[in-house]
Protein backbone atom coordinates (compact mmCIF):
# COMPACT_ATOMS: atom_id res chain seq x y z
CA MET A 1 -20.17 8.00 -4.76
CA PRO A 2 -19.12 4.42 -5.66
CA PHE A 3 -19.17 1.70 -3.03
CA VAL A 4 -19.09 -2.07 -3.09
CA GLU A 5 -20.74 -4.09 -0.33
CA THR A 6 -18.89 -7.25 0.67
CA ALA A 7 -20.26 -10.58 1.87
CA GLN A 8 -19.61 -9.34 5.43
CA LYS A 9 -21.84 -6.28 4.76
CA VAL A 10 -18.82 -3.98 4.82
CA THR A 11 -19.03 -1.04 2.41
CA ILE A 12 -15.80 -0.33 0.55
CA HIS A 13 -15.40 3.07 -1.05
CA TYR A 14 -13.45 3.35 -4.29
CA GLU A 15 -12.73 5.86 -7.03
CA ASP A 16 -12.37 4.97 -10.70
CA GLU A 17 -11.02 7.29 -13.39
CA GLY A 18 -9.27 7.11 -16.73
CA SER A 19 -9.43 4.28 -19.22
CA GLY A 20 -7.25 1.50 -20.53
CA PHE A 21 -5.29 -1.08 -18.58
CA PRO A 22 -6.53 -1.01 -14.95
CA LEU A 23 -4.27 -0.24 -11.98
CA VAL A 24 -5.66 -0.97 -8.51
CA PHE A 25 -3.91 1.07 -5.79
CA VAL A 26 -3.92 -0.17 -2.17
CA HIS A 27 -2.89 2.36 0.49
CA GLY A 28 -1.02 1.89 3.75
CA TRP A 29 -1.85 1.85 7.45
CA ALA A 30 -4.01 4.72 8.76
CA MET A 31 -4.22 6.35 5.32
CA SER A 32 -6.79 6.20 2.50
CA GLY A 33 -7.03 6.14 -1.28
CA LYS A 34 -6.47 9.92 -1.21
CA VAL A 35 -2.78 9.23 -0.69
CA TRP A 36 -2.44 8.42 -4.41
CA ALA A 37 -3.45 11.94 -5.50
CA PHE A 38 -0.11 12.59 -7.20
CA GLN A 39 -0.59 9.51 -9.40
CA LYS A 40 -3.64 11.03 -11.12
CA PRO A 41 -1.60 12.03 -14.21
CA LEU A 42 -1.36 8.30 -14.97
CA ALA A 43 -5.08 8.42 -15.83
CA ASP A 44 -4.03 9.82 -19.22
CA HIS A 45 -2.85 6.31 -20.12
CA PHE A 46 -4.35 3.88 -17.59
CA ARG A 47 -7.55 3.24 -15.67
CA LEU A 48 -6.85 4.19 -12.05
CA ILE A 49 -8.82 2.51 -9.26
CA THR A 50 -8.14 3.56 -5.67
CA LEU A 51 -9.96 2.05 -2.71
CA ASP A 52 -10.26 2.84 0.97
CA LEU A 53 -9.51 -0.24 3.03
CA ARG A 54 -12.17 -1.21 5.57
CA GLY A 55 -12.15 1.17 8.52
CA HIS A 56 -10.24 3.77 6.49
CA GLY A 57 -11.31 6.78 4.46
CA LYS A 58 -14.98 6.56 3.49
CA SER A 59 -15.20 2.77 3.89
CA SER A 60 -17.16 1.44 6.85
CA ALA A 61 -15.74 -0.04 10.03
CA ALA A 62 -15.81 -3.82 10.17
CA PRO A 63 -15.84 -6.73 12.61
CA GLY A 64 -12.40 -7.93 11.54
CA TYR A 65 -9.17 -6.54 10.15
CA ALA A 66 -7.12 -9.61 9.32
CA PHE A 67 -5.10 -9.68 6.11
CA SER A 68 -7.59 -12.26 4.83
CA ASP A 69 -10.42 -9.74 5.37
CA PHE A 70 -8.63 -7.07 3.37
CA ALA A 71 -7.83 -9.54 0.59
CA ALA A 72 -11.46 -10.67 0.40
CA ASP A 73 -12.56 -7.03 0.09
CA LEU A 74 -10.10 -6.56 -2.76
CA ALA A 75 -11.44 -9.65 -4.51
CA ALA A 76 -14.99 -8.30 -4.09
CA LEU A 77 -13.89 -5.06 -5.75
CA PHE A 78 -12.39 -7.00 -8.68
CA ASP A 79 -15.69 -8.86 -9.04
CA ARG A 80 -17.80 -5.71 -8.83
CA LEU A 81 -15.75 -3.97 -11.53
CA GLY A 82 -15.35 -7.07 -13.69
CA LEU A 83 -11.57 -6.87 -13.62
CA GLU A 84 -10.13 -9.88 -15.45
CA ARG A 85 -6.58 -8.51 -15.80
CA ALA A 86 -5.23 -5.68 -13.66
CA ALA A 87 -2.09 -4.50 -11.93
CA LEU A 88 -2.02 -4.38 -8.13
CA VAL A 89 0.00 -1.52 -6.63
CA GLY A 90 0.35 -1.90 -2.86
CA TRP A 91 2.12 0.44 -0.47
CA SER A 92 3.35 -0.59 3.01
CA LEU A 93 0.38 -2.37 4.66
CA GLY A 94 -1.16 -2.36 1.18
CA ALA A 95 1.79 -4.35 -0.14
CA GLN A 96 1.01 -7.13 2.32
CA VAL A 97 -2.68 -6.92 1.44
CA ALA A 98 -1.69 -7.35 -2.20
CA LEU A 99 0.49 -10.36 -1.36
CA GLU A 100 -2.43 -11.89 0.56
CA ALA A 101 -4.79 -11.26 -2.37
CA VAL A 102 -2.66 -12.80 -5.11
CA PRO A 103 -3.68 -16.42 -4.33
CA LEU A 104 -7.36 -15.35 -4.37
CA LEU A 105 -7.13 -13.42 -7.63
CA GLU A 106 -4.65 -15.77 -9.36
CA ASP A 107 -4.08 -14.79 -13.02
CA ARG A 108 -6.36 -11.77 -12.70
CA VAL A 109 -3.24 -10.08 -11.30
CA ALA A 110 -1.37 -9.20 -14.46
CA ALA A 111 1.35 -7.32 -12.61
CA LEU A 112 2.34 -6.63 -9.02
CA VAL A 113 4.04 -3.48 -7.72
CA LEU A 114 5.15 -3.47 -4.07
CA VAL A 115 6.06 -0.03 -2.72
CA ALA A 116 7.94 0.31 0.58
CA GLY A 117 6.74 -3.18 1.40
CA THR A 118 7.81 -6.04 3.59
CA PRO A 119 6.63 -9.63 3.96
CA LYS A 120 6.83 -9.29 7.75
CA PHE A 121 6.57 -5.99 9.61
CA THR A 122 8.17 -6.98 12.93
CA THR A 123 11.39 -8.82 13.74
CA ALA A 124 11.46 -12.48 14.77
CA ASP A 125 13.95 -15.32 14.97
CA GLY A 126 15.61 -15.45 11.56
CA TRP A 127 13.97 -12.20 10.45
CA PRO A 128 16.01 -9.09 11.27
CA HIS A 129 14.40 -6.87 8.61
CA GLY A 130 11.47 -5.48 10.62
CA LEU A 131 10.72 -3.17 13.51
CA PRO A 132 11.06 -4.59 17.04
CA PRO A 133 7.64 -5.79 18.30
CA HIS A 134 7.85 -3.41 21.26
CA GLU A 135 7.85 -0.45 18.86
CA ALA A 136 4.52 -1.56 17.40
CA ARG A 137 3.11 -1.98 20.92
CA GLY A 138 4.42 1.45 21.91
CA LEU A 139 2.78 3.02 18.88
CA GLY A 140 -0.52 1.46 19.95
CA LEU A 141 -0.19 2.92 23.44
CA ARG A 142 0.61 6.39 22.08
CA LEU A 143 -2.47 6.20 19.84
CA LYS A 144 -4.65 5.64 22.91
CA ARG A 145 -3.18 8.68 24.65
CA ALA A 146 -3.04 11.14 21.73
CA TYR A 147 -4.63 9.77 18.57
CA ASP A 148 -4.34 12.73 16.19
CA ALA A 149 -0.86 13.77 17.33
CA THR A 150 0.47 10.21 17.06
CA LEU A 151 -0.84 9.81 13.52
CA GLY A 152 0.76 13.14 12.64
CA ASP A 153 4.11 12.06 14.07
CA PHE A 154 3.94 8.77 12.18
CA PHE A 155 3.19 10.58 8.92
CA ARG A 156 6.21 12.84 9.34
CA GLN A 157 8.44 9.81 10.00
CA MET A 158 7.67 8.59 6.50
CA PHE A 159 10.06 11.16 5.07
CA ALA A 160 13.81 11.27 5.49
CA GLU A 161 15.50 14.42 6.73
CA GLY A 162 15.84 16.86 3.84
CA GLU A 163 13.75 14.71 1.52
CA LEU A 164 11.01 17.31 1.04
CA SER A 165 11.26 20.98 0.29
CA HIS A 166 8.93 23.35 2.14
CA ASP A 167 6.76 23.66 -0.98
CA GLN A 168 6.59 19.88 -1.42
CA TYR A 169 5.52 19.35 2.17
CA GLN A 170 2.87 22.07 1.95
CA ARG A 171 1.49 20.52 -1.23
CA ILE A 172 1.22 17.11 0.47
CA VAL A 173 -0.54 18.67 3.45
CA ARG A 174 -2.89 20.66 1.23
CA GLU A 175 -3.80 17.92 -1.26
CA ILE A 176 -3.57 14.76 0.84
CA VAL A 177 -3.47 15.36 4.60
CA ILE A 178 -6.20 18.00 4.96
CA PRO A 179 -8.80 16.40 2.61
CA ARG A 180 -8.47 12.93 4.13
CA HIS A 181 -10.95 11.29 6.50
CA LEU A 182 -9.25 10.19 9.73
CA PRO A 183 -9.53 6.40 10.01
CA ASP A 184 -11.64 4.67 12.64
CA PRO A 185 -9.50 4.46 15.83
CA GLY A 186 -10.54 0.87 16.43
CA ALA A 187 -9.53 -0.05 12.90
CA VAL A 188 -6.15 1.62 13.29
CA GLN A 189 -5.42 -0.33 16.49
CA ALA A 190 -6.64 -3.61 15.00
CA CYS A 191 -4.58 -3.11 11.85
CA LEU A 192 -1.50 -2.48 13.97
CA VAL A 193 -2.03 -5.88 15.61
CA THR A 194 -2.51 -7.42 12.16
CA LEU A 195 0.71 -5.84 10.93
CA ALA A 196 2.68 -7.03 13.95
CA GLY A 197 1.52 -10.61 13.47
CA GLY A 198 1.52 -10.93 9.69
CA ASP A 199 4.04 -13.04 7.79
CA HIS A 200 3.87 -13.46 4.01
CA ARG A 201 7.30 -14.93 3.36
CA ASN A 202 5.87 -18.32 2.42
CA LEU A 203 3.75 -16.81 -0.37
CA LEU A 204 6.61 -15.27 -2.32
CA PRO A 205 7.90 -18.26 -4.34
CA ALA A 206 4.44 -18.97 -5.82
CA ILE A 207 3.91 -15.46 -7.25
CA ALA A 208 3.88 -15.74 -11.03
CA ALA A 209 2.91 -12.17 -11.99
CA PRO A 210 5.66 -9.82 -13.21
CA THR A 211 6.69 -7.89 -10.11
CA LEU A 212 8.40 -4.58 -9.43
CA VAL A 213 9.58 -3.76 -5.90
CA ILE A 214 10.14 -0.03 -5.28
CA HIS A 215 11.83 1.06 -2.06
CA GLY A 216 13.36 4.25 -0.74
CA ASP A 217 16.92 3.73 0.43
CA ARG A 218 16.23 5.82 3.58
CA ASP A 219 12.98 4.15 4.60
CA ALA A 220 12.85 4.10 8.42
CA ILE A 221 9.54 2.22 8.67
CA CYS A 222 10.01 -0.75 6.33
CA SER A 223 13.69 -1.51 5.92
CA PRO A 224 15.16 -1.45 2.41
CA SER A 225 16.54 -4.90 3.20
CA ALA A 226 12.94 -6.14 3.50
CA GLY A 227 12.28 -4.81 0.01
CA ARG A 228 15.32 -6.61 -1.33
CA TYR A 229 14.08 -9.79 0.35
CA LEU A 230 10.77 -9.43 -1.51
CA ALA A 231 12.54 -8.99 -4.82
CA GLU A 232 14.82 -11.96 -4.20
CA GLY A 233 11.96 -14.18 -3.02
CA ILE A 234 9.53 -13.50 -5.90
CA PRO A 235 10.62 -15.25 -9.11
CA GLY A 236 11.85 -12.76 -11.70
CA ALA A 237 11.04 -9.67 -9.61
CA ARG A 238 12.90 -6.41 -10.15
CA PHE A 239 14.15 -4.17 -7.35
CA LEU A 240 14.24 -0.41 -7.77
CA SER A 241 15.95 1.63 -5.05
CA LEU A 242 15.16 5.35 -4.99
CA GLU A 243 18.00 7.35 -3.50
CA GLY A 244 17.33 9.86 -0.76
CA THR A 245 13.72 8.80 -0.22
CA GLY A 246 11.91 7.39 2.78
CA HIS A 247 8.69 5.44 3.15
CA ALA A 248 6.53 7.25 0.58
CA PRO A 249 8.51 7.80 -2.65
CA PHE A 250 5.31 8.27 -4.67
CA LEU A 251 4.73 11.45 -2.62
CA SER A 252 8.25 12.85 -2.49
CA GLN A 253 9.25 11.88 -6.05
CA PRO A 254 5.91 11.52 -7.86
CA GLU A 255 7.19 12.30 -11.34
CA ARG A 256 9.92 9.67 -11.20
CA PHE A 257 7.65 7.17 -9.46
CA ASN A 258 4.96 7.60 -12.12
CA GLN A 259 7.52 7.31 -14.88
CA GLU A 260 9.01 4.09 -13.50
CA LEU A 261 5.57 2.60 -12.86
CA SER A 262 4.38 3.50 -16.35
CA ARG A 263 7.51 2.06 -17.95
CA PHE A 264 7.17 -1.24 -16.08
CA LEU A 265 3.47 -1.62 -16.82
CA THR A 266 3.94 -0.76 -20.50
CA GLU A 267 6.44 -3.61 -20.74
CA VAL A 268 3.96 -5.97 -19.09
CA ILE A 269 1.15 -4.92 -21.42
CA ASP A 270 3.36 -5.29 -24.49
CA ARG A 271 4.23 -8.85 -23.47
CA ASP A 272 0.56 -9.92 -22.98
């Protein structure tokens, strides 16, 4: 079972399959690398690397959960695997981790894909594209009262009404929800605080890597307007809106998601 140990003595679990141009997938809050199970067909053409963020999946708990901690772990993984050019694919919290990591990794990031992402999770003066801060605090309180049930409710909120058929939902439960390791409760609470306080708007103009922003047009967790902001703020970025999808389009529309991701990355590779 592959792990990398960071300078902080945190063990980060990862999986590595396929060959060719490497794609590093970064999952969202309270999830794990297992969430990318439906992207495995991409291993026919690319090298797929999925990690469990600290405190999630099979990775160890840690003393800190700041965005800088996550980014340093990602850089340690790049070093361990000798990745000189790779694509970063970040979803939700993982999109902000990817944004934080870009200045550390510099030109080792050959392409950036931000899925259901935002540069700032909560609203603030001049930023109407997030959730109200009290909603994040309320989620933290519900986690303390009923941890498993609250995580289950949050997972279901990722999908818009009518987005999934019964068979689709059962497949997600069977292949992703049931096999996953529940994250460390302390990590989940700490990451929620990190999300509520994070702001990556100032990093966007300096991103030089070709960037694709993918967002469901019915995302109730990270507003589609936040995705458009990302695409407008990153030089040359493309914005792809997926109709009828919520916060996890790679789960509800995996074939289309994989096709669009593969098309974008093939263009990037051909230009290098």
